[in-house]
Protein backbone atom coordinates (compact mmCIF):
# COMPACT_ATOMS: atom_id res chain seq x y z
CA MET A 1 -24.66 11.78 48.48
CA ALA A 2 -22.30 13.07 46.09
CA VAL A 3 -22.15 12.14 42.42
CA ASP A 4 -18.27 11.69 41.08
CA THR A 5 -18.63 13.95 37.64
CA ILE A 6 -16.49 12.31 34.56
CA THR A 7 -14.47 14.84 32.15
CA TYR A 8 -14.19 13.55 28.88
CA MET A 9 -12.06 14.75 26.45
CA SER A 10 -13.67 16.53 23.09
CA LYS A 11 -14.20 14.65 19.83
CA GLU A 12 -11.60 16.87 18.18
CA GLU A 13 -8.86 15.33 20.70
CA LEU A 14 -9.64 11.93 19.95
CA GLN A 15 -9.57 12.10 16.88
CA LYS A 16 -5.82 14.14 16.93
CA ILE A 17 -4.73 11.19 19.42
CA ILE A 18 -5.36 8.61 16.78
CA GLY A 19 -4.81 10.03 13.57
CA GLY A 20 -1.32 10.44 15.58
CA ASN A 21 -1.06 6.99 16.70
CA ILE A 22 -2.00 5.70 13.54
CA ARG A 23 0.84 7.87 12.33
CA LYS A 24 3.38 6.75 15.02
CA ILE A 25 2.14 3.31 14.83
CA ALA A 26 2.90 3.47 10.67
CA TYR A 27 6.21 4.96 10.91
CA GLU A 28 8.00 2.40 13.76
CA LYS A 29 6.14 -0.65 11.45
CA ASN A 30 7.79 0.88 8.53
CA VAL A 31 4.48 1.11 6.72
CA ASN A 32 4.06 3.15 3.83
CA LEU A 33 0.74 5.29 4.65
CA MET A 34 -0.05 4.62 0.58
CA LYS A 35 -0.11 1.12 1.12
CA LEU A 36 -1.72 1.59 4.58
CA ALA A 37 -4.88 3.45 3.11
CA GLU A 38 -4.98 0.69 0.22
CA LYS A 39 -5.69 -2.09 3.05
CA VAL A 40 -8.29 0.16 5.13
CA ASP A 41 -9.97 1.06 1.59
CA ILE A 42 -9.26 4.50 2.29
CA SER A 43 -7.89 7.30 0.32
CA TYR A 44 -4.17 8.04 0.63
CA GLU A 45 -5.47 12.17 0.55
CA TYR A 46 -8.00 10.96 3.34
CA LEU A 47 -5.15 9.26 5.20
CA ARG A 48 -3.38 12.24 5.16
CA HIS A 49 -6.22 14.46 6.36
CA ILE A 50 -6.48 11.53 9.35
CA VAL A 51 -2.85 11.46 10.58
CA SER A 52 -2.42 15.55 10.15
CA LEU A 53 -1.82 17.13 13.29
CA LYS A 54 -5.23 18.64 12.73
CA GLY A 55 -6.88 15.94 12.76
CA HIS A 56 -9.46 16.86 10.72
CA LYS A 57 -11.38 13.75 9.77
CA SER A 58 -13.74 11.60 12.32
CA LEU A 59 -12.88 7.93 12.02
CA SER A 60 -15.86 5.83 12.67
CA LEU A 61 -15.59 3.02 14.93
CA TYR A 62 -15.16 0.49 12.49
CA SER A 63 -12.28 2.64 10.87
CA VAL A 64 -10.41 2.13 14.10
CA TYR A 65 -10.74 -1.35 14.23
CA LYS A 66 -9.68 -1.51 10.38
CA PHE A 67 -6.73 1.03 11.26
CA SER A 68 -5.90 -1.56 14.37
CA VAL A 69 -5.71 -5.07 11.84
CA ALA A 70 -4.00 -3.49 9.29
CA LEU A 71 -1.09 -2.25 11.45
CA ASP A 72 -1.35 -5.47 14.04
CA THR A 73 -1.89 -3.68 17.02
CA THR A 74 -4.90 -3.45 19.48
CA PHE A 75 -7.54 -0.66 19.57
CA ASP A 76 -6.03 0.46 22.81
CA GLU A 77 -2.68 1.16 20.87
CA LEU A 78 -4.54 3.26 18.86
CA ILE A 79 -6.32 5.68 21.20
CA LYS A 80 -3.71 5.34 24.00
CA GLN A 81 -2.38 9.49 25.11
CA SER A 82 0.46 9.31 24.88
CA GLU A 83 2.28 10.83 28.40
CA HIS A 84 4.39 13.76 27.86
């Protein structure tokens, strides 16, 4: 019996996707990143690293949840890969 192989994206790739989605959703909802950092109780500098194109900082599940609440969006929207 053949075993199906599951391919996972790397942690770094997922961090970039989440950071990009945070940046995009905040922009679409006209949410200032400084205010967003306050809402989720992190420094603006840390948020800048999260939303950078390099995705330098990792996020806990709880942090992703806090971003979803602060941006009034779903967890799924934050982890969704764009369809380019």
